Amino acid sequence: MVLPLVDEYKPKCYLCHKGFESIEKLRDHQNTAHKDHFESHEKQITREPAPGDVTVF
């Protein structure tokens, strides 16, 4: 899909590729239309070192 140059600065949803006028409207869209996607991926996020990571002192 090729967007016209006029729409390049507008934020776009990476799940459904729909463009929005502002980042606030994009956040509202993602919190309503794709709520289940974000909730399921939020549980999978862990902040621990991966196997093989080396700590340098």
PDB file of N, CA and C in Angstrom:
ATOM      1  N   MET A   1       0.843  -1.164   0.000  1.00  0.00           N
ATOM      2  CA  MET A   1       0.000   0.000   0.000  1.00  0.00           C
ATOM      3  C   MET A   1       0.893   1.234   0.000  1.00  0.00           C
ATOM      4  N   VAL A   2       0.617   2.158  -0.866  1.00  0.00           N
ATOM      5  CA  VAL A   2       1.405   3.377  -0.963  1.00  0.00           C
ATOM      6  C   VAL A   2       0.545   4.546  -0.496  1.00  0.00           C
ATOM      7  N   LEU A   3       1.052   5.276   0.494  1.00  0.00           N
ATOM      8  CA  LEU A   3       0.333   6.444   0.996  1.00  0.00           C
ATOM      9  C   LEU A   3       0.797   7.692   0.266  1.00  0.00           C
ATOM     10  N   PRO A   4      -0.090   8.630   0.054  1.00  0.00           N
ATOM     11  CA  PRO A   4       0.353   9.891  -0.529  1.00  0.00           C
ATOM     12  C   PRO A   4       1.259  10.634   0.458  1.00  0.00           C
ATOM     13  N   LEU A   5       2.100  11.506  -0.055  1.00  0.00           N
ATOM     14  CA  LEU A   5       3.031  12.236   0.799  1.00  0.00           C
ATOM     15  C   LEU A   5       2.331  13.081   1.853  1.00  0.00           C
ATOM     16  N   VAL A   6       1.089  13.442   1.609  1.00  0.00           N
ATOM     17  CA  VAL A   6       0.332  14.260   2.560  1.00  0.00           C
ATOM     18  C   VAL A   6       0.128  13.512   3.876  1.00  0.00           C
ATOM     19  N   ASP A   7       0.000  12.192   3.833  1.00  0.00           N
ATOM     20  CA  ASP A   7      -0.312  11.399   5.016  1.00  0.00           C
ATOM     21  C   ASP A   7       0.911  10.826   5.724  1.00  0.00           C
ATOM     22  N   GLU A   8       2.106  11.164   5.308  1.00  0.00           N
ATOM     23  CA  GLU A   8       3.300  10.569   5.903  1.00  0.00           C
ATOM     24  C   GLU A   8       3.492  10.910   7.374  1.00  0.00           C
ATOM     25  N   TYR A   9       3.086  12.084   7.789  1.00  0.00           N
ATOM     26  CA  TYR A   9       3.321  12.517   9.165  1.00  0.00           C
ATOM     27  C   TYR A   9       2.274  11.993  10.135  1.00  0.00           C
ATOM     28  N   LYS A  10       1.181  11.440   9.646  1.00  0.00           N
ATOM     29  CA  LYS A  10       0.095  10.971  10.503  1.00  0.00           C
ATOM     30  C   LYS A  10       0.455   9.626  11.128  1.00  0.00           C
ATOM     31  N   PRO A  11       0.129   9.441  12.414  1.00  0.00           N
ATOM     32  CA  PRO A  11       0.379   8.141  13.049  1.00  0.00           C
ATOM     33  C   PRO A  11      -0.531   7.071  12.455  1.00  0.00           C
ATOM     34  N   LYS A  12      -0.027   5.829  12.421  1.00  0.00           N
ATOM     35  CA  LYS A  12      -0.757   4.732  11.814  1.00  0.00           C
ATOM     36  C   LYS A  12      -0.732   3.535  12.750  1.00  0.00           C
ATOM     37  N   CYS A  13      -1.854   2.867  12.871  1.00  0.00           N
ATOM     38  CA  CYS A  13      -1.958   1.664  13.696  1.00  0.00           C
ATOM     39  C   CYS A  13      -1.204   0.534  12.997  1.00  0.00           C
ATOM     40  N   TYR A  14      -0.312  -0.126  13.700  1.00  0.00           N
ATOM     41  CA  TYR A  14       0.474  -1.182  13.073  1.00  0.00           C
ATOM     42  C   TYR A  14      -0.278  -2.505  13.008  1.00  0.00           C
ATOM     43  N   LEU A  15      -1.447  -2.586  13.633  1.00  0.00           N
ATOM     44  CA  LEU A  15      -2.237  -3.810  13.560  1.00  0.00           C
ATOM     45  C   LEU A  15      -3.212  -3.808  12.390  1.00  0.00           C
ATOM     46  N   CYS A  16      -3.872  -2.667  12.151  1.00  0.00           N
ATOM     47  CA  CYS A  16      -4.856  -2.614  11.072  1.00  0.00           C
ATOM     48  C   CYS A  16      -4.478  -1.608   9.986  1.00  0.00           C
ATOM     49  N   HIS A  17      -3.375  -0.890  10.160  1.00  0.00           N
ATOM     50  CA  HIS A  17      -2.839   0.060   9.179  1.00  0.00           C
ATOM     51  C   HIS A  17      -3.776   1.229   8.880  1.00  0.00           C
ATOM     52  N   LYS A  18      -4.579   1.609   9.854  1.00  0.00           N
ATOM     53  CA  LYS A  18      -5.490   2.738   9.697  1.00  0.00           C
ATOM     54  C   LYS A  18      -4.787   4.004  10.182  1.00  0.00           C
ATOM     55  N   GLY A  19      -4.883   5.089   9.427  1.00  0.00           N
ATOM     56  CA  GLY A  19      -4.236   6.347   9.781  1.00  0.00           C
ATOM     57  C   GLY A  19      -5.112   7.216  10.668  1.00  0.00           C
ATOM     58  N   PHE A  20      -4.478   8.043  11.510  1.00  0.00           N
ATOM     59  CA  PHE A  20      -5.195   8.913  12.447  1.00  0.00           C
ATOM     60  C   PHE A  20      -4.612  10.313  12.408  1.00  0.00           C
ATOM     61  N   GLU A  21      -5.395  11.273  12.871  1.00  0.00           N
ATOM     62  CA  GLU A  21      -4.987  12.676  12.865  1.00  0.00           C
ATOM     63  C   GLU A  21      -3.968  12.991  13.958  1.00  0.00           C
ATOM     64  N   SER A  22      -4.082  12.318  15.109  1.00  0.00           N
ATOM     65  CA  SER A  22      -3.174  12.607  16.217  1.00  0.00           C
ATOM     66  C   SER A  22      -2.849  11.318  16.968  1.00  0.00           C
ATOM     67  N   ILE A  23      -1.825  11.387  17.793  1.00  0.00           N
ATOM     68  CA  ILE A  23      -1.400  10.212  18.566  1.00  0.00           C
ATOM     69  C   ILE A  23      -2.440   9.855  19.624  1.00  0.00           C
ATOM     70  N   GLU A  24      -3.172  10.853  20.118  1.00  0.00           N
ATOM     71  CA  GLU A  24      -4.218  10.581  21.107  1.00  0.00           C
ATOM     72  C   GLU A  24      -5.343   9.740  20.492  1.00  0.00           C
ATOM     73  N   LYS A  25      -5.727  10.067  19.253  1.00  0.00           N
ATOM     74  CA  LYS A  25      -6.758   9.288  18.574  1.00  0.00           C
ATOM     75  C   LYS A  25      -6.274   7.870  18.291  1.00  0.00           C
ATOM     76  N   LEU A  26      -4.986   7.723  17.987  1.00  0.00           N
ATOM     77  CA  LEU A  26      -4.418   6.391  17.777  1.00  0.00           C
ATOM     78  C   LEU A  26      -4.457   5.587  19.070  1.00  0.00           C
ATOM     79  N   ARG A  27      -4.099   6.202  20.186  1.00  0.00           N
ATOM     80  CA  ARG A  27      -4.150   5.507  21.479  1.00  0.00           C
ATOM     81  C   ARG A  27      -5.571   5.073  21.820  1.00  0.00           C
ATOM     82  N   ASP A  28      -6.550   5.961  21.600  1.00  0.00           N
ATOM     83  CA  ASP A  28      -7.943   5.616  21.858  1.00  0.00           C
ATOM     84  C   ASP A  28      -8.377   4.443  20.990  1.00  0.00           C
ATOM     85  N   HIS A  29      -7.996   4.456  19.726  1.00  0.00           N
ATOM     86  CA  HIS A  29      -8.335   3.373  18.808  1.00  0.00           C
ATOM     87  C   HIS A  29      -7.739   2.049  19.279  1.00  0.00           C
ATOM     88  N   GLN A  30      -6.466   2.068  19.660  1.00  0.00           N
ATOM     89  CA  GLN A  30      -5.813   0.839  20.084  1.00  0.00           C
ATOM     90  C   GLN A  30      -6.373   0.327  21.405  1.00  0.00           C
ATOM     91  N   ASN A  31      -6.769   1.231  22.297  1.00  0.00           N
ATOM     92  CA  ASN A  31      -7.338   0.809  23.578  1.00  0.00           C
ATOM     93  C   ASN A  31      -8.752   0.272  23.434  1.00  0.00           C
ATOM     94  N   THR A  32      -9.459   0.614  22.361  1.00  0.00           N
ATOM     95  CA  THR A  32     -10.817   0.109  22.176  1.00  0.00           C
ATOM     96  C   THR A  32     -10.863  -1.042  21.175  1.00  0.00           C
ATOM     97  N   ALA A  33     -10.318  -0.854  19.991  1.00  0.00           N
ATOM     98  CA  ALA A  33     -10.438  -1.862  18.932  1.00  0.00           C
ATOM     99  C   ALA A  33      -9.505  -3.048  19.134  1.00  0.00           C
ATOM    100  N   HIS A  34      -8.329  -2.827  19.674  1.00  0.00           N
ATOM    101  CA  HIS A  34      -7.324  -3.890  19.806  1.00  0.00           C
ATOM    102  C   HIS A  34      -6.986  -4.169  21.269  1.00  0.00           C
ATOM    103  N   LYS A  35      -7.941  -3.947  22.155  1.00  0.00           N
ATOM    104  CA  LYS A  35      -7.707  -4.109  23.593  1.00  0.00           C
ATOM    105  C   LYS A  35      -7.258  -5.531  23.936  1.00  0.00           C
ATOM    106  N   ASP A  36      -7.880  -6.541  23.336  1.00  0.00           N
ATOM    107  CA  ASP A  36      -7.529  -7.925  23.643  1.00  0.00           C
ATOM    108  C   ASP A  36      -6.103  -8.262  23.226  1.00  0.00           C
ATOM    109  N   HIS A  37      -5.640  -7.697  22.124  1.00  0.00           N
ATOM    110  CA  HIS A  37      -4.271  -7.940  21.662  1.00  0.00           C
ATOM    111  C   HIS A  37      -3.257  -7.388  22.665  1.00  0.00           C
ATOM    112  N   PHE A  38      -3.465  -6.166  23.124  1.00  0.00           N
ATOM    113  CA  PHE A  38      -2.520  -5.546  24.047  1.00  0.00           C
ATOM    114  C   PHE A  38      -2.556  -6.187  25.428  1.00  0.00           C
ATOM    115  N   GLU A  39      -3.733  -6.609  25.876  1.00  0.00           N
ATOM    116  CA  GLU A  39      -3.823  -7.272  27.175  1.00  0.00           C
ATOM    117  C   GLU A  39      -3.111  -8.622  27.162  1.00  0.00           C
ATOM    118  N   SER A  40      -3.233  -9.372  26.076  1.00  0.00           N
ATOM    119  CA  SER A  40      -2.591 -10.684  26.021  1.00  0.00           C
ATOM    120  C   SER A  40      -1.071 -10.555  25.928  1.00  0.00           C
ATOM    121  N   HIS A  41      -0.571  -9.534  25.224  1.00  0.00           N
ATOM    122  CA  HIS A  41       0.866  -9.354  25.102  1.00  0.00           C
ATOM    123  C   HIS A  41       1.479  -8.674  26.324  1.00  0.00           C
ATOM    124  N   GLU A  42       0.677  -7.942  27.076  1.00  0.00           N
ATOM    125  CA  GLU A  42       1.185  -7.277  28.274  1.00  0.00           C
ATOM    126  C   GLU A  42       1.599  -8.301  29.327  1.00  0.00           C
ATOM    127  N   LYS A  43       0.894  -9.427  29.390  1.00  0.00           N
ATOM    128  CA  LYS A  43       1.193 -10.469  30.361  1.00  0.00           C
ATOM    129  C   LYS A  43       2.486 -11.205  30.018  1.00  0.00           C
ATOM    130  N   GLN A  44       2.875 -11.223  28.751  1.00  0.00           N
ATOM    131  CA  GLN A  44       4.049 -11.971  28.314  1.00  0.00           C
ATOM    132  C   GLN A  44       5.357 -11.210  28.507  1.00  0.00           C
ATOM    133  N   ILE A  45       5.286  -9.930  28.795  1.00  0.00           N
ATOM    134  CA  ILE A  45       6.493  -9.118  28.918  1.00  0.00           C
ATOM    135  C   ILE A  45       7.190  -9.438  30.242  1.00  0.00           C
ATOM    136  N   THR A  46       8.434  -9.863  30.159  1.00  0.00           N
ATOM    137  CA  THR A  46       9.239 -10.085  31.360  1.00  0.00           C
ATOM    138  C   THR A  46      10.499  -9.251  31.241  1.00  0.00           C
ATOM    139  N   ARG A  47      10.955  -8.724  32.324  1.00  0.00           N
ATOM    140  CA  ARG A  47      12.141  -7.857  32.337  1.00  0.00           C
ATOM    141  C   ARG A  47      13.294  -8.555  33.051  1.00  0.00           C
ATOM    142  N   GLU A  48      13.676  -9.678  32.525  1.00  0.00           N
ATOM    143  CA  GLU A  48      14.802 -10.399  33.108  1.00  0.00           C
ATOM    144  C   GLU A  48      15.828 -10.662  32.017  1.00  0.00           C
ATOM    145  N   PRO A  49      17.076 -10.915  32.385  1.00  0.00           N
ATOM    146  CA  PRO A  49      18.107 -11.154  31.373  1.00  0.00           C
ATOM    147  C   PRO A  49      17.823 -12.414  30.568  1.00  0.00           C
ATOM    148  N   ALA A  50      18.160 -12.367  29.317  1.00  0.00           N
ATOM    149  CA  ALA A  50      18.009 -13.530  28.448  1.00  0.00           C
ATOM    150  C   ALA A  50      19.149 -14.510  28.727  1.00  0.00           C
ATOM    151  N   PRO A  51      18.951 -15.783  28.443  1.00  0.00           N
ATOM    152  CA  PRO A  51      20.029 -16.756  28.636  1.00  0.00           C
ATOM    153  C   PRO A  51      21.241 -16.372  27.782  1.00  0.00           C
ATOM    154  N   GLY A  52      22.403 -16.376  28.383  1.00  0.00           N
ATOM    155  CA  GLY A  52      23.620 -16.035  27.677  1.00  0.00           C
ATOM    156  C   GLY A  52      24.033 -14.585  27.802  1.00  0.00           C
ATOM    157  N   ASP A  53      23.199 -13.740  28.434  1.00  0.00           N
ATOM    158  CA  ASP A  53      23.583 -12.345  28.633  1.00  0.00           C
ATOM    159  C   ASP A  53      24.753 -12.264  29.594  1.00  0.00           C
ATOM    160  N   VAL A  54      25.664 -11.364  29.327  1.00  0.00           N
ATOM    161  CA  VAL A  54      26.850 -11.209  30.144  1.00  0.00           C
ATOM    162  C   VAL A  54      26.805  -9.830  30.810  1.00  0.00           C
ATOM    163  N   THR A  55      27.049  -9.806  32.119  1.00  0.00           N
ATOM    164  CA  THR A  55      27.106  -8.548  32.843  1.00  0.00           C
ATOM    165  C   THR A  55      28.555  -8.128  32.991  1.00  0.00           C
ATOM    166  N   VAL A  56      28.853  -6.887  32.611  1.00  0.00           N
ATOM    167  CA  VAL A  56      30.210  -6.376  32.710  1.00  0.00           C
ATOM    168  C   VAL A  56      30.284  -5.477  33.931  1.00  0.00           C
ATOM    169  N   PHE A  57      31.263  -5.758  34.801  1.00  0.00           N
ATOM    170  CA  PHE A  57      31.428  -4.953  36.018  1.00  0.00           C
ATOM    171  C   PHE A  57      32.545  -3.965  35.844  1.00  0.00           C
TER     172      PHE A  57
END
